[in-house]
Amino acid sequence: MQQTIPGTTMFDGAQAQKGYALNKMCYSFNAAENREAFVRDEDAYCAKYGLNDEQRAAIRHRNVLELIAAGGNIYYLAKFAGIFGLDVQDVGAQQTGMTKDAFKAMLVEAGR
């Protein structure tokens, strides 16, 4: 039985299949030359991996929640975020609709 969490896209088998191309592309960003190729020609790089329209729009919008809905796995999306100098706290802040400082404060408070 699959559990649902309101407002959360569960990364299950269907999402993994849906996001295969997106996640494969993001994994490629482990290599500096691939990050540079993406920055040079984002559209061509997305086409090289066969991203669909939903995934390409999410990439253009730099929106983590859209990327997750398009099948993105947060571990691979972190590679994408790194191209723009963003870290996991930036991504978490975007996911929760908070500023990065507010998100960090929430994490500190939760750790007490």
Protein backbone atom coordinates (compact mmCIF):
# COMPACT_ATOMS: atom_id res chain seq x y z
CA MET A 1 0.00 0.00 0.00
CA GLN A 2 1.44 3.36 -1.04
CA GLN A 3 1.36 6.12 1.50
CA THR A 4 0.60 9.66 0.42
CA ILE A 5 1.85 12.80 2.07
CA PRO A 6 -0.20 15.89 1.19
CA GLY A 7 1.76 18.30 -1.00
CA THR A 8 4.53 15.77 -1.62
CA THR A 9 5.43 13.96 -4.82
CA MET A 10 6.46 10.46 -3.84
CA PHE A 11 9.48 9.17 -5.73
CA ASP A 12 8.33 5.69 -6.64
CA GLY A 13 8.82 3.40 -9.61
CA ALA A 14 6.50 5.42 -11.83
CA GLN A 15 8.29 8.67 -10.97
CA ALA A 16 11.66 6.99 -11.55
CA GLN A 17 10.58 5.96 -15.04
CA LYS A 18 9.08 9.37 -15.73
CA GLY A 19 12.25 11.15 -14.65
CA TYR A 20 14.84 8.80 -16.10
CA ALA A 21 16.11 11.24 -18.76
CA LEU A 22 16.09 14.20 -16.36
CA ASN A 23 17.96 12.30 -13.66
CA LYS A 24 20.43 10.88 -16.17
CA MET A 25 21.15 14.41 -17.39
CA CYS A 26 21.59 15.72 -13.84
CA TYR A 27 23.93 12.84 -13.02
CA SER A 28 26.08 13.90 -15.97
CA PHE A 29 26.80 17.15 -14.13
CA ASN A 30 29.34 15.26 -12.01
CA ALA A 31 31.76 16.12 -14.83
CA ALA A 32 32.88 19.73 -15.19
CA GLU A 33 32.83 19.55 -18.99
CA ASN A 34 29.16 18.57 -18.90
CA ARG A 35 28.28 21.45 -16.58
CA GLU A 36 30.08 23.78 -18.98
CA ALA A 37 28.25 22.31 -22.00
CA PHE A 38 24.91 22.83 -20.25
CA VAL A 39 25.72 26.47 -19.46
CA ARG A 40 26.84 27.07 -23.07
CA ASP A 41 23.66 25.69 -24.65
CA GLU A 42 21.01 24.58 -22.21
CA ASP A 43 18.41 23.68 -24.85
CA ALA A 44 20.82 21.52 -26.84
CA TYR A 45 21.98 19.78 -23.68
CA CYS A 46 18.39 19.00 -22.65
CA ALA A 47 17.66 17.71 -26.16
CA LYS A 48 20.73 15.47 -26.01
CA TYR A 49 19.14 13.66 -23.05
CA GLY A 50 15.63 13.63 -24.51
CA LEU A 51 13.91 15.72 -21.86
CA ASN A 52 10.20 16.20 -22.44
CA ASP A 53 8.40 19.56 -22.47
CA GLU A 54 7.48 19.40 -18.76
CA GLN A 55 11.07 18.68 -17.79
CA ARG A 56 12.49 21.39 -20.06
CA ALA A 57 10.07 23.95 -18.62
CA ALA A 58 11.06 22.99 -15.06
CA ILE A 59 14.74 23.32 -16.00
CA ARG A 60 14.10 26.79 -17.49
CA HIS A 61 12.14 27.86 -14.40
CA ARG A 62 14.83 26.55 -12.01
CA ASN A 63 11.96 25.33 -9.86
CA VAL A 64 12.72 22.36 -7.63
CA LEU A 65 9.08 21.41 -7.04
CA GLU A 66 8.43 21.39 -10.79
CA LEU A 67 11.55 19.30 -11.32
CA ILE A 68 10.40 16.79 -8.69
CA ALA A 69 6.92 16.64 -10.24
CA ALA A 70 8.62 15.98 -13.60
CA GLY A 71 10.30 12.90 -12.13
CA GLY A 72 13.42 14.44 -10.68
CA ASN A 73 15.14 12.78 -7.75
CA ILE A 74 16.48 15.26 -5.22
CA TYR A 75 19.90 13.56 -5.11
CA TYR A 76 20.35 14.13 -8.84
CA LEU A 77 18.71 17.56 -8.77
CA ALA A 78 21.37 18.67 -6.29
CA LYS A 79 23.89 18.24 -9.14
CA PHE A 80 21.80 20.61 -11.26
CA ALA A 81 21.48 23.14 -8.42
CA GLY A 82 25.25 23.09 -7.93
CA ILE A 83 25.75 24.58 -11.40
CA PHE A 84 24.17 27.78 -10.07
CA GLY A 85 26.04 27.78 -6.77
CA LEU A 86 23.05 26.51 -4.82
CA ASP A 87 23.36 24.05 -1.97
CA VAL A 88 20.94 21.65 -0.32
CA GLN A 89 19.70 24.37 2.04
CA ASP A 90 18.82 26.57 -0.93
CA VAL A 91 16.87 23.66 -2.40
CA GLY A 92 15.12 22.93 0.92
CA ALA A 93 14.15 26.58 1.27
CA GLN A 94 12.64 26.56 -2.22
CA GLN A 95 10.75 23.35 -1.49
CA THR A 96 9.21 24.82 1.66
CA GLY A 97 8.60 28.32 0.31
CA MET A 98 10.93 29.81 2.91
CA THR A 99 13.96 32.03 2.66
CA LYS A 100 17.25 30.24 3.09
CA ASP A 101 17.85 31.99 6.43
CA ALA A 102 14.40 30.98 7.70
CA PHE A 103 14.97 27.41 6.51
CA LYS A 104 18.34 27.24 8.27
CA ALA A 105 16.80 28.63 11.46
CA MET A 106 14.08 25.98 11.28
CA LEU A 107 16.73 23.25 10.97
CA VAL A 108 18.67 24.62 13.96
CA GLU A 109 15.49 24.79 16.05
CA ALA A 110 14.49 21.25 15.06
CA GLY A 111 17.91 20.00 16.18
CA ARG A 112 17.51 21.30 19.72
